Amino acid sequence: QVQLVESGGGLVQPGGSLRLSCAASGIIFSIYNMGWYRQAPGKQRELVARITRLGSTNYADSVKGRFTISRDNAKNTVYLQMDSLKPEDTAVYSCTGSNTENHYWGQGTQVTVSS
């Protein structure tokens, strides 16, 4: 039925870049607000970035100016471009989709920033 599948995580050096993708199926993607959360060991889950069905975006202060969220409705995919990565960005990143009726979660992908 409904699936959100993340990809693109991995190990990257501080200052490097990574691009996460989230492919959605089983929903009318264009009417869903999409977002990325992350959770690091010992910390609470944090909303990193959000993009509405109309394309408006919002970012956590900790990533503002470094991360960019975007969506491609033709591909049913939302992206998170991560630049100037820091060790404190290390976390499991999860994709979400929501409308007035439903809220869905992906299973997450690991991002590790280390030298």
Protein backbone atom coordinates (compact mmCIF):
# COMPACT_ATOMS: atom_id res chain seq x y z
CA GLN A 1 0.00 0.00 0.00
CA VAL A 2 1.62 3.24 1.19
CA GLN A 3 5.41 3.26 1.19
CA LEU A 4 8.09 5.87 1.77
CA VAL A 5 11.54 4.51 0.93
CA GLU A 6 14.66 6.52 1.75
CA SER A 7 18.03 6.16 0.05
CA GLY A 8 21.34 8.00 -0.24
CA GLY A 9 22.66 7.71 3.30
CA GLY A 10 26.22 6.73 4.10
CA LEU A 11 29.57 7.83 5.49
CA VAL A 12 30.92 11.25 4.55
CA GLN A 13 33.76 13.47 5.80
CA PRO A 14 33.12 16.75 7.62
CA GLY A 15 32.53 19.50 5.08
CA GLY A 16 31.27 17.03 2.52
CA SER A 17 27.87 16.64 0.88
CA LEU A 18 25.19 14.00 0.64
CA ARG A 19 21.82 13.84 -1.10
CA LEU A 20 18.97 11.85 0.40
CA SER A 21 15.97 10.69 -1.64
CA CYS A 22 12.54 9.51 -0.53
CA ALA A 23 10.37 7.72 -3.07
CA ALA A 24 6.66 7.58 -2.25
CA SER A 25 4.04 5.18 -3.55
CA GLY A 26 0.39 4.51 -2.75
CA ILE A 27 -0.49 8.18 -2.23
CA ILE A 28 -1.44 11.15 -4.37
CA PHE A 29 1.97 12.68 -3.80
CA SER A 30 1.20 16.19 -5.04
CA ILE A 31 -1.33 16.88 -2.25
CA TYR A 32 0.96 15.77 0.62
CA ASN A 33 3.24 17.91 2.73
CA MET A 34 6.64 16.20 2.97
CA GLY A 35 9.44 16.43 5.48
CA TRP A 36 12.66 15.02 6.90
CA TYR A 37 13.27 14.16 10.55
CA ARG A 38 16.46 12.95 12.18
CA GLN A 39 17.35 11.24 15.44
CA ALA A 40 20.87 10.98 16.81
CA PRO A 41 21.91 8.60 19.60
CA GLY A 42 20.80 9.94 22.98
CA LYS A 43 18.80 12.79 21.44
CA GLN A 44 15.14 13.43 20.66
CA ARG A 45 13.81 13.26 17.13
CA GLU A 46 14.12 16.60 15.37
CA LEU A 47 12.28 18.05 12.38
CA VAL A 48 15.02 19.00 9.93
CA ALA A 49 13.12 20.34 6.93
CA ARG A 50 9.61 20.56 5.55
CA ILE A 51 8.10 21.30 2.15
CA THR A 52 4.39 21.82 1.57
CA ARG A 53 2.36 20.64 -1.37
CA LEU A 54 2.68 24.19 -2.74
CA GLY A 55 6.47 24.24 -2.39
CA SER A 56 6.95 26.39 0.71
CA THR A 57 9.92 25.29 2.83
CA ASN A 58 11.01 25.47 6.45
CA TYR A 59 14.26 24.43 8.16
CA ALA A 60 15.59 23.82 11.62
CA ASP A 61 18.00 26.55 12.72
CA SER A 62 20.79 23.99 13.01
CA VAL A 63 20.72 23.21 9.27
CA LYS A 64 19.56 26.50 7.78
CA GLY A 65 21.85 27.59 4.96
CA ARG A 66 23.39 24.12 4.64
CA PHE A 67 20.46 21.83 3.76
CA THR A 68 17.92 22.16 0.95
CA ILE A 69 14.64 20.27 0.66
CA SER A 70 12.95 19.88 -2.71
CA ARG A 71 10.34 17.72 -4.40
CA ASP A 72 9.67 16.31 -7.84
CA ASN A 73 5.97 15.55 -8.13
CA ALA A 74 6.45 13.81 -11.49
CA LYS A 75 8.72 11.28 -9.76
CA ASN A 76 6.82 11.13 -6.43
CA THR A 77 10.12 11.91 -4.71
CA VAL A 78 11.33 14.35 -2.07
CA TYR A 79 15.04 15.16 -1.65
CA LEU A 80 17.31 16.52 1.04
CA GLN A 81 20.55 18.04 -0.23
CA MET A 82 23.02 18.26 2.65
CA ASP A 83 26.12 20.43 2.26
CA SER A 84 28.88 21.48 4.67
CA LEU A 85 28.13 18.47 6.82
CA LYS A 86 29.23 18.41 10.46
CA PRO A 87 29.75 15.50 12.86
CA GLU A 88 26.66 16.63 14.77
CA ASP A 89 24.58 15.92 11.66
CA THR A 90 25.15 12.21 12.27
CA ALA A 91 21.73 10.59 12.72
CA VAL A 92 19.09 8.36 11.23
CA TYR A 93 17.11 10.44 8.75
CA SER A 94 13.45 9.59 8.14
CA CYS A 95 11.04 10.80 5.49
CA THR A 96 7.44 11.81 6.31
CA GLY A 97 4.33 12.61 4.33
CA SER A 98 1.11 14.10 5.69
CA ASN A 99 -2.20 15.62 4.80
CA THR A 100 -5.33 16.39 6.83
CA GLU A 101 -6.17 12.68 7.12
CA ASN A 102 -2.92 10.70 7.26
CA HIS A 103 0.68 10.81 8.42
CA TYR A 104 3.19 8.30 7.04
CA TRP A 105 6.81 7.47 7.93
CA GLY A 106 9.67 5.87 6.10
CA GLN A 107 12.04 3.44 7.81
CA GLY A 108 15.03 5.78 7.82
CA THR A 109 18.55 5.90 6.44
CA GLN A 110 21.80 6.31 8.38
CA VAL A 111 24.00 9.36 7.82
CA THR A 112 27.42 9.36 9.47
CA VAL A 113 29.76 12.37 9.31
CA SER A 114 33.23 11.44 10.46
CA SER A 115 36.88 11.71 9.47
